[in-house]
Amino acid sequence: MLACALQGTHSRILTIYFFPFYPMIVQSHVKETLSKMGLRCGGDFCDALAKSCEDIVKKAAWRCKENKRQTVYGCDC
């Protein structure tokens, strides 16, 4: 497991665990969606998209923890 530490607003450290082998996105679905729009997928696009998704998940998890909840909701994004 890869541990990512996020600094909370109250000077405490929140630790969120991610599995580096678990894909955040499905590349074939991304490429298929772009293909239907008449576009092609660059080599680095899926990696950048996965990084953006990971950042959104980290932010939502941080907000959930700050609100003393264990369930992440859409409003946390």
Protein backbone atom coordinates (compact mmCIF):
# COMPACT_ATOMS: atom_id res chain seq x y z
CA MET A 1 0.00 0.00 0.00
CA LEU A 2 1.08 3.51 -0.73
CA ALA A 3 0.30 6.00 2.02
CA CYS A 4 -0.46 9.60 1.13
CA ALA A 5 -0.48 12.17 3.92
CA LEU A 6 -2.67 15.24 3.68
CA GLN A 7 -2.35 18.22 6.03
CA GLY A 8 -5.63 19.10 7.72
CA THR A 9 -6.73 22.64 8.47
CA HIS A 10 -6.26 22.03 12.17
CA SER A 11 -2.56 21.04 11.88
CA ARG A 12 -3.16 17.33 12.06
CA ILE A 13 -2.08 14.76 9.52
CA LEU A 14 -4.69 12.60 7.81
CA THR A 15 -3.45 9.42 6.17
CA ILE A 16 -5.28 7.98 3.19
CA TYR A 17 -4.25 4.66 1.65
CA PHE A 18 -4.35 3.97 -2.07
CA PHE A 19 -3.52 0.77 -3.89
CA PRO A 20 -1.13 1.74 -6.71
CA PHE A 21 -2.14 -1.30 -8.78
CA TYR A 22 -5.86 -0.43 -8.77
CA PRO A 23 -6.73 1.66 -11.83
CA MET A 24 -8.73 4.85 -11.23
CA ILE A 25 -9.98 4.88 -14.82
CA VAL A 26 -10.55 2.31 -17.55
CA GLN A 27 -8.45 3.36 -20.52
CA SER A 28 -10.49 1.42 -23.06
CA HIS A 29 -13.66 3.25 -21.99
CA VAL A 30 -11.93 6.63 -22.21
CA LYS A 31 -10.57 5.83 -25.67
CA GLU A 32 -13.97 4.53 -26.81
CA THR A 33 -15.71 7.71 -25.61
CA LEU A 34 -13.18 9.91 -27.41
CA SER A 35 -13.46 7.76 -30.52
CA LYS A 36 -17.24 8.27 -30.60
CA MET A 37 -16.54 12.02 -30.60
CA GLY A 38 -14.17 11.62 -33.55
CA LEU A 39 -11.06 12.18 -31.41
CA ARG A 40 -7.94 10.20 -30.60
CA CYS A 41 -6.31 9.68 -27.21
CA GLY A 42 -2.75 10.90 -26.68
CA GLY A 43 -0.30 8.68 -24.84
CA ASP A 44 -0.22 10.84 -21.73
CA PHE A 45 -3.94 11.73 -21.56
CA CYS A 46 -5.10 8.68 -19.61
CA ASP A 47 -2.26 9.07 -17.09
CA ALA A 48 -3.15 12.74 -16.55
CA LEU A 49 -6.84 11.85 -16.23
CA ALA A 50 -6.06 9.13 -13.66
CA LYS A 51 -3.95 11.63 -11.67
CA SER A 52 -6.83 14.14 -11.72
CA CYS A 53 -9.24 11.45 -10.50
CA GLU A 54 -6.85 10.50 -7.71
CA ASP A 55 -6.58 14.15 -6.63
CA ILE A 56 -10.38 14.46 -6.54
CA VAL A 57 -10.68 11.31 -4.42
CA LYS A 58 -7.99 12.55 -2.00
CA LYS A 59 -9.70 15.93 -1.65
CA ALA A 60 -13.10 14.31 -1.04
CA ALA A 61 -11.63 11.90 1.53
CA TRP A 62 -9.90 14.78 3.33
CA ARG A 63 -13.15 16.79 3.47
CA CYS A 64 -15.06 13.75 4.74
CA LYS A 65 -12.53 13.19 7.54
CA GLU A 66 -12.56 16.90 8.46
CA ASN A 67 -16.34 16.68 8.87
CA LYS A 68 -15.89 13.63 11.13
CA ARG A 69 -17.68 11.28 8.75
CA GLN A 70 -16.78 7.90 7.34
CA THR A 71 -18.91 8.17 4.21
CA VAL A 72 -17.79 10.24 1.25
CA TYR A 73 -20.60 12.07 -0.56
CA GLY A 74 -20.83 13.91 -3.87
CA CYS A 75 -20.70 17.24 -2.06
CA ASP A 76 -17.17 16.36 -0.88
CA CYS A 77 -15.78 16.66 -4.41
